[in-house]
Protein backbone atom coordinates (compact mmCIF):
# COMPACT_ATOMS: atom_id res chain seq x y z
CA MET A 1 -35.23 28.97 31.07
CA ILE A 2 -37.94 31.42 30.01
CA VAL A 3 -35.65 32.99 27.41
CA ARG A 4 -34.88 29.58 26.03
CA LYS A 5 -38.57 28.72 25.67
CA LEU A 6 -39.26 32.05 23.97
CA LEU A 7 -36.34 31.54 21.58
CA PHE A 8 -37.47 28.04 20.60
CA ALA A 9 -41.06 29.21 20.16
CA ALA A 10 -39.86 31.97 17.82
CA LEU A 11 -37.77 29.48 15.85
CA ARG A 12 -40.75 27.13 15.50
CA MET A 13 -42.94 29.95 14.21
CA ALA A 14 -40.24 30.98 11.74
CA ALA A 15 -39.79 27.37 10.57
CA ASN A 16 -43.52 27.08 9.89
CA ASN A 17 -43.55 30.29 7.82
CA PRO A 18 -43.25 29.43 4.07
CA GLU A 19 -41.50 32.70 3.19
CA VAL A 20 -38.83 32.14 5.83
CA ARG A 21 -38.34 28.61 4.50
CA LYS A 22 -37.81 29.94 0.96
CA GLN A 23 -35.27 32.47 2.17
CA ALA A 24 -33.45 29.82 4.19
CA ALA A 25 -33.32 27.53 1.14
CA LYS A 26 -31.86 30.36 -0.98
CA VAL A 27 -29.21 31.10 1.64
CA ALA A 28 -28.34 27.40 1.89
CA ASP A 29 -28.02 27.14 -1.92
CA LYS A 30 -25.70 30.16 -1.98
CA ALA A 31 -23.57 28.64 0.78
CA VAL A 32 -23.30 25.34 -1.08
CA ASP A 33 -22.37 27.11 -4.32
CA ALA A 34 -19.73 29.18 -2.53
CA ALA A 35 -18.25 26.13 -0.80
CA ARG A 36 -18.30 23.80 -3.82
CA PRO A 37 -14.86 24.72 -5.30
CA SER A 38 -13.06 24.33 -1.98
CA LEU A 39 -14.90 21.07 -1.28
CA LEU A 40 -13.88 19.67 -4.67
CA LYS A 41 -10.28 20.75 -4.10
CA ALA A 42 -10.24 19.13 -0.67
CA SER A 43 -11.76 15.97 -2.13
CA ARG A 44 -9.01 15.80 -4.77
CA ARG A 45 -6.30 16.29 -2.14
CA ALA A 46 -7.82 13.58 0.04
CA GLY A 47 -7.94 11.20 -2.93
CA GLU A 48 -4.30 11.88 -3.75
CA ALA A 49 -3.29 11.33 -0.12
CA VAL A 50 -5.16 8.02 -0.01
CA ARG A 51 -3.59 6.84 -3.26
CA SER A 52 -0.14 7.86 -2.05
CA ALA A 53 -0.58 6.07 1.27
CA SER A 54 -1.91 2.99 -0.50
CA ASN A 55 1.07 2.88 -2.85
CA GLU A 56 3.49 3.41 0.03
CA LEU A 57 1.88 0.62 2.03
CA LYS A 58 1.90 -1.70 -0.96
CA ASP A 59 5.61 -1.02 -1.53
CA GLY A 60 6.37 -1.67 2.14
CA VAL A 61 4.51 -4.98 2.06
CA GLN A 62 6.38 -6.02 -1.11
CA LYS A 63 9.72 -5.11 0.48
CA PHE A 64 8.84 -7.03 3.64
CA LYS A 65 7.85 -10.12 1.66
CA GLU A 66 11.10 -10.01 -0.31
CA GLU A 67 13.12 -9.71 2.90
CA VAL A 68 11.27 -12.63 4.47
CA ARG A 69 11.85 -14.80 1.37
CA GLY A 70 15.55 -13.96 1.41
CA SER A 71 15.94 -14.60 5.14
CA GLU A 72 14.46 -18.11 4.94
CA GLU A 73 17.41 -19.27 2.86
CA VAL A 74 20.06 -17.74 5.14
CA MET A 75 18.68 -18.56 8.61
CA PRO A 76 19.42 -22.04 9.99
CA PRO A 77 16.52 -24.19 11.14
CA LYS A 78 15.31 -23.60 14.68
CA ASN A 79 16.24 -27.08 15.96
CA ALA A 80 19.87 -26.84 14.85
CA SER A 81 20.65 -23.91 17.14
CA LYS A 82 19.29 -25.54 20.31
CA ASN A 83 21.46 -27.52 22.68
CA THR A 84 21.07 -31.25 21.98
CA LYS A 85 21.62 -32.38 25.59
CA ALA A 86 18.97 -34.64 27.05
CA ARG A 87 16.50 -33.01 29.35
CA ARG A 88 16.97 -33.55 33.02
CA THR A 89 14.12 -35.18 34.83
CA LYS A 90 12.67 -33.40 37.79
CA LYS A 91 13.28 -34.88 41.19
CA ILE A 92 10.21 -35.43 43.26
CA ILE A 93 11.00 -34.43 46.81
CA SER A 94 8.65 -35.65 49.49
CA PRO A 95 8.40 -34.01 52.91
CA LYS A 96 10.52 -35.42 55.74
CA GLY A 97 8.90 -38.12 57.76
CA LYS A 98 6.59 -39.23 54.94
CA SER A 99 7.47 -41.90 52.47
């Protein structure tokens, strides 16, 4: 607990120091510059993956719609396949001894 408080106090003092801030900004700029090419490459790959997935999904939806259109002509109507017998009525059974 004491070590933690000392560490945070030291970090606060360093953060308030203008020279330390300048050095931290320079280090951050260098890190961004070093990471930029790989970030751009990753961004391109992600864009390609999204486009590919979008095209694949679009093709699947088109194929599904074509199959559904074709199946409407071939499938008989729902009522034609059901049995046309009249429904039986339910018997109401009352307990013995009561009318």
